[in-house]
Amino acid sequence: MRLQRYLAAGGVASRRRSEELIVAGLVRVNGRVARELGTTVGPGDVVEYGGRIVEPALEPAYLVMNKPHGVMTTMRDPEGRRTIADVLARGKITRRVVPVGRLDYDTSGVLLLTDDGALAHVLTHPRFGVEKTYRATVRGRLTPEQIATLQGGIGLDDGRAEPAQLRVVATNRERSVIDLTIHEGRNRQVRRMFEQLERPVLELTRLRFGPIGLGDLVPGAIREATARERSALRSIADAAAEAGA
């Protein structure tokens, strides 16, 4: 973990202010002054600031859920519909985590939940364009012109959607199965893109969110992010910090 992030997580100061403290030579790692912003710390390292040891913060939780169809991406619902809080409770998850972004009530698939607020902000910020891949079953067969429209960017009522990557998985006269990768996160965006082409979505599943893949996780199941996924998430957070996010 980057030293400035460690200090921020330990409650010393904001990440930006922590960088200033490091450059000023006010932070020690294992008894030595650490002035380099690229300094990393890990288990067993002793970090000191202001004459006291900075205790490591609780390691953030990164949970991956296959959100089932017919579940609200909220912790409670005034209409009494099933929520991800219910799914977490059924999975006996007691850690207080929140969803990163949202999936529609009628959409299933990969959903990241965490208590790392800084990372959640980065992953949902339009500036960083985190990729999201969906598998959509739509009515009818897409024409080459419609495919080209999606790949070139399609106009929606709230502005033009950016170009999408698209792969036709299967198609016939009645329906088509399409894998679609986008970088935006507008409300019901994928459904609205296909509705614009008069190809309504019959079923929608998110297969990937950034470095997090759905894999063989069954609906309603929850797992911890793998070491590789956690490393990829940290890389995204570090890149955002260097970019001044």
Protein backbone atom coordinates (compact mmCIF):
# COMPACT_ATOMS: atom_id res chain seq x y z
CA MET A 1 0.00 0.00 0.00
CA ARG A 2 1.28 3.49 -0.82
CA LEU A 3 2.47 5.32 2.29
CA GLN A 4 0.13 8.28 1.78
CA ARG A 5 -2.83 5.93 1.50
CA TYR A 6 -1.73 4.14 4.68
CA LEU A 7 -1.59 7.45 6.54
CA ALA A 8 -5.00 8.49 5.26
CA ALA A 9 -6.52 5.12 6.19
CA GLY A 10 -4.94 5.44 9.63
CA GLY A 11 -6.68 8.76 10.22
CA VAL A 12 -3.56 10.96 10.11
CA ALA A 13 -4.73 13.30 7.34
CA SER A 14 -6.26 13.33 3.88
CA ARG A 15 -4.25 11.60 1.18
CA ARG A 16 -3.16 14.93 -0.31
CA ARG A 17 -2.11 16.29 3.10
CA SER A 18 -0.33 13.01 3.85
CA GLU A 19 1.76 13.50 0.72
CA GLU A 20 2.82 16.89 2.03
CA LEU A 21 3.80 15.37 5.38
CA ILE A 22 5.93 12.75 3.62
CA VAL A 23 7.74 15.27 1.42
CA ALA A 24 8.39 17.42 4.50
CA GLY A 25 10.19 14.51 6.15
CA LEU A 26 7.69 14.16 8.99
CA VAL A 27 6.98 10.47 8.48
CA ARG A 28 9.22 7.53 9.39
CA VAL A 29 9.04 3.96 8.16
CA ASN A 30 10.92 1.40 10.24
CA GLY A 31 12.82 4.18 11.97
CA ARG A 32 13.92 6.00 8.81
CA VAL A 33 12.52 9.19 7.32
CA ALA A 34 10.54 8.43 4.16
CA ARG A 35 10.36 11.36 1.74
CA GLU A 36 9.48 9.47 -1.45
CA LEU A 37 5.81 9.46 -2.46
CA GLY A 38 6.32 6.08 -4.09
CA THR A 39 7.16 4.47 -0.74
CA THR A 40 5.06 1.39 -0.03
CA VAL A 41 4.38 -0.34 3.26
CA GLY A 42 3.10 -3.76 4.11
CA PRO A 43 2.58 -6.16 7.02
CA GLY A 44 5.32 -5.80 9.63
CA ASP A 45 6.34 -2.25 8.67
CA VAL A 46 6.23 0.37 11.45
CA VAL A 47 5.01 3.81 10.41
CA GLU A 48 5.48 6.82 12.71
CA TYR A 49 4.17 10.36 12.55
CA GLY A 50 4.41 13.03 15.26
CA GLY A 51 6.22 10.69 17.61
CA ARG A 52 3.53 8.01 17.58
CA ILE A 53 3.03 4.78 15.70
CA VAL A 54 0.27 4.90 13.12
CA GLU A 55 -1.76 1.73 13.55
CA PRO A 56 -2.84 0.01 10.35
CA ALA A 57 -6.49 0.45 9.52
CA LEU A 58 -8.74 -2.54 9.14
CA GLU A 59 -8.16 -4.04 5.70
CA PRO A 60 -11.00 -2.94 3.41
CA ALA A 61 -13.57 -5.52 2.43
CA TYR A 62 -14.11 -6.27 -1.25
CA LEU A 63 -17.01 -8.63 -1.83
CA VAL A 64 -18.35 -9.85 -5.16
CA MET A 65 -22.04 -10.72 -5.47
CA ASN A 66 -24.02 -12.17 -8.31
CA LYS A 67 -27.04 -9.95 -7.82
CA PRO A 68 -30.15 -11.92 -8.68
CA HIS A 69 -32.92 -10.68 -10.93
CA GLY A 70 -35.68 -9.00 -8.89
CA VAL A 71 -33.43 -7.47 -6.20
CA MET A 72 -32.99 -3.77 -5.48
CA THR A 73 -29.40 -2.46 -5.32
CA THR A 74 -30.14 -0.68 -2.05
CA MET A 75 -29.95 -1.56 1.63
CA ARG A 76 -33.68 -0.98 2.15
CA ASP A 77 -36.74 -0.44 0.02
CA PRO A 78 -39.88 1.51 1.07
CA GLU A 79 -42.00 -0.73 -1.17
CA GLY A 80 -40.83 -3.85 0.62
CA ARG A 81 -39.02 -5.37 -2.33
CA ARG A 82 -36.04 -7.65 -1.78
CA THR A 83 -32.73 -5.79 -1.49
CA ILE A 84 -29.05 -6.68 -1.48
CA ALA A 85 -29.19 -6.29 2.32
CA ASP A 86 -31.40 -9.38 2.30
CA VAL A 87 -28.91 -11.22 0.10
CA LEU A 88 -26.04 -10.21 2.42
CA ALA A 89 -27.98 -11.38 5.46
CA ARG A 90 -28.73 -14.71 3.85
CA GLY A 91 -25.00 -15.06 3.12
CA LYS A 92 -24.28 -14.25 6.79
CA ILE A 93 -22.22 -11.19 5.85
CA THR A 94 -22.03 -8.87 8.87
CA ARG A 95 -19.39 -6.45 7.57
CA ARG A 96 -20.93 -3.07 6.71
CA VAL A 97 -20.40 -2.73 2.98
CA VAL A 98 -22.19 -0.76 0.28
CA PRO A 99 -22.62 -1.44 -3.44
CA VAL A 100 -20.33 0.25 -5.94
CA GLY A 101 -22.76 1.68 -8.46
CA ARG A 102 -26.10 0.05 -9.19
CA LEU A 103 -27.74 -2.67 -11.18
CA ASP A 104 -31.38 -2.34 -12.17
CA TYR A 105 -34.06 -4.35 -10.37
CA ASP A 106 -34.47 -6.51 -13.48
CA THR A 107 -30.72 -6.89 -14.12
CA SER A 108 -28.55 -9.62 -12.61
CA GLY A 109 -24.81 -10.07 -12.48
CA VAL A 110 -21.58 -8.97 -10.90
CA LEU A 111 -21.85 -6.35 -8.16
CA LEU A 112 -18.89 -5.15 -6.09
CA LEU A 113 -19.52 -4.25 -2.44
CA THR A 114 -16.96 -2.54 -0.23
CA ASP A 115 -16.35 -0.25 2.72
CA ASP A 116 -13.55 1.50 0.80
CA GLY A 117 -15.28 4.79 0.03
CA ALA A 118 -12.34 6.28 -1.86
CA LEU A 119 -12.16 3.35 -4.25
CA ALA A 120 -15.94 3.33 -4.73
CA HIS A 121 -15.75 6.99 -5.76
CA VAL A 122 -13.06 6.27 -8.35
CA LEU A 123 -14.85 3.24 -9.80
CA THR A 124 -18.06 5.20 -10.35
CA HIS A 125 -16.50 8.49 -11.49
CA PRO A 126 -17.07 9.13 -15.23
CA ARG A 127 -13.54 10.50 -15.56
CA PHE A 128 -11.98 7.05 -15.21
CA GLY A 129 -14.35 5.19 -17.55
CA VAL A 130 -14.26 1.83 -15.81
CA GLU A 131 -15.32 -0.85 -18.28
CA LYS A 132 -18.56 -2.77 -17.75
CA THR A 133 -19.52 -5.78 -19.85
CA TYR A 134 -23.12 -6.95 -20.15
CA ARG A 135 -24.76 -9.92 -21.83
CA ALA A 136 -28.07 -8.79 -23.29
CA THR A 137 -30.74 -10.98 -24.82
CA VAL A 138 -32.74 -8.74 -27.13
CA ARG A 139 -35.80 -9.24 -29.30
CA GLY A 140 -35.10 -9.87 -32.97
CA ARG A 141 -31.93 -9.87 -35.04
CA LEU A 142 -29.60 -6.86 -35.12
CA THR A 143 -28.80 -5.56 -38.58
CA PRO A 144 -25.25 -4.60 -39.57
CA GLU A 145 -26.39 -0.97 -39.52
CA GLN A 146 -27.66 -1.28 -35.94
CA ILE A 147 -24.41 -2.91 -34.85
CA ALA A 148 -22.46 -0.08 -36.45
CA THR A 149 -24.66 2.46 -34.65
CA LEU A 150 -23.86 0.93 -31.27
CA GLN A 151 -20.16 0.78 -32.10
CA GLY A 152 -20.15 4.40 -33.24
CA GLY A 153 -22.17 5.89 -30.38
CA ILE A 154 -25.93 6.14 -30.20
CA GLY A 155 -28.05 9.17 -29.29
CA LEU A 156 -30.13 8.92 -26.11
CA ASP A 157 -32.53 11.36 -24.48
CA ASP A 158 -29.82 12.47 -22.04
CA GLY A 159 -27.06 12.83 -24.62
CA ARG A 160 -25.05 10.69 -26.97
CA ALA A 161 -23.73 7.41 -25.56
CA GLU A 162 -20.06 6.73 -26.20
CA PRO A 163 -19.07 3.98 -28.65
CA ALA A 164 -19.56 0.46 -27.32
CA GLN A 165 -17.62 -2.72 -27.98
CA LEU A 166 -19.97 -5.40 -29.21
CA ARG A 167 -19.90 -9.13 -29.87
CA VAL A 168 -22.81 -11.16 -31.24
CA VAL A 169 -22.88 -14.41 -29.24
CA ALA A 170 -25.93 -15.94 -30.93
CA THR A 171 -28.74 -14.73 -33.15
CA ASN A 172 -31.88 -15.86 -34.92
CA ARG A 173 -35.10 -14.31 -36.14
CA GLU A 174 -36.68 -14.19 -32.67
CA ARG A 175 -33.82 -13.01 -30.48
CA SER A 176 -30.12 -12.20 -30.27
CA VAL A 177 -27.57 -12.59 -27.50
CA ILE A 178 -25.09 -9.69 -27.42
CA ASP A 179 -22.05 -8.99 -25.24
CA LEU A 180 -21.71 -5.21 -24.88
CA THR A 181 -18.88 -3.32 -23.18
CA ILE A 182 -19.38 0.32 -22.20
CA HIS A 183 -17.44 2.88 -20.16
CA GLU A 184 -20.36 4.91 -18.85
CA GLY A 185 -22.85 4.22 -16.08
CA ARG A 186 -26.05 6.07 -16.90
CA ASN A 187 -29.39 4.92 -15.56
CA ARG A 188 -30.68 1.88 -17.51
CA GLN A 189 -28.21 2.76 -20.24
CA VAL A 190 -27.91 -0.62 -21.95
CA ARG A 191 -31.67 -1.10 -22.05
CA ARG A 192 -32.18 2.38 -23.47
CA MET A 193 -29.52 1.85 -26.13
CA PHE A 194 -31.30 -1.21 -27.48
CA GLU A 195 -34.74 0.39 -27.12
CA GLN A 196 -33.48 3.18 -29.37
CA LEU A 197 -32.92 0.52 -32.03
CA GLU A 198 -36.35 -1.04 -31.37
CA ARG A 199 -34.69 -4.16 -30.00
CA PRO A 200 -36.00 -4.32 -26.41
CA VAL A 201 -33.93 -6.19 -23.85
CA LEU A 202 -35.50 -9.43 -22.67
CA GLU A 203 -32.75 -10.38 -20.21
CA LEU A 204 -29.65 -8.55 -18.96
CA THR A 205 -26.67 -9.77 -16.95
CA ARG A 206 -23.49 -7.89 -16.09
CA LEU A 207 -20.52 -10.17 -16.72
CA ARG A 208 -17.70 -7.84 -15.69
CA PHE A 209 -17.15 -4.66 -13.71
CA GLY A 210 -13.63 -3.34 -14.17
CA PRO A 211 -11.27 -6.15 -13.10
CA ILE A 212 -14.07 -8.10 -11.39
CA GLY A 213 -15.55 -10.96 -13.39
CA LEU A 214 -18.73 -12.92 -12.71
CA GLY A 215 -17.20 -16.29 -13.50
CA ASP A 216 -19.33 -19.22 -12.33
CA LEU A 217 -20.82 -17.39 -9.32
CA VAL A 218 -24.47 -18.43 -9.08
CA PRO A 219 -27.26 -15.86 -8.47
CA GLY A 220 -27.32 -14.79 -4.83
CA ALA A 221 -23.84 -16.12 -4.08
CA ILE A 222 -21.12 -13.92 -2.57
CA ARG A 223 -17.34 -14.33 -2.56
CA GLU A 224 -14.33 -12.32 -1.53
CA ALA A 225 -12.35 -10.65 -4.30
CA THR A 226 -9.28 -12.65 -5.28
CA ALA A 227 -5.76 -11.44 -4.58
CA ARG A 228 -5.37 -10.56 -8.27
CA GLU A 229 -8.63 -8.61 -8.28
CA ARG A 230 -7.67 -6.73 -5.10
CA SER A 231 -4.32 -5.84 -6.62
CA ALA A 232 -6.06 -4.54 -9.75
CA LEU A 233 -8.44 -2.47 -7.63
CA ARG A 234 -5.52 -0.97 -5.70
CA SER A 235 -3.80 -0.11 -8.98
CA ILE A 236 -6.92 1.77 -10.10
CA ALA A 237 -7.04 3.67 -6.80
CA ASP A 238 -3.32 4.53 -6.95
CA ALA A 239 -3.61 5.74 -10.55
CA ALA A 240 -6.54 7.94 -9.56
CA ALA A 241 -4.56 9.38 -6.65
CA GLU A 242 -1.63 10.21 -8.92
CA ALA A 243 -4.07 11.87 -11.33
CA GLY A 244 -5.32 14.06 -8.51
CA ALA A 245 -8.77 12.47 -8.09
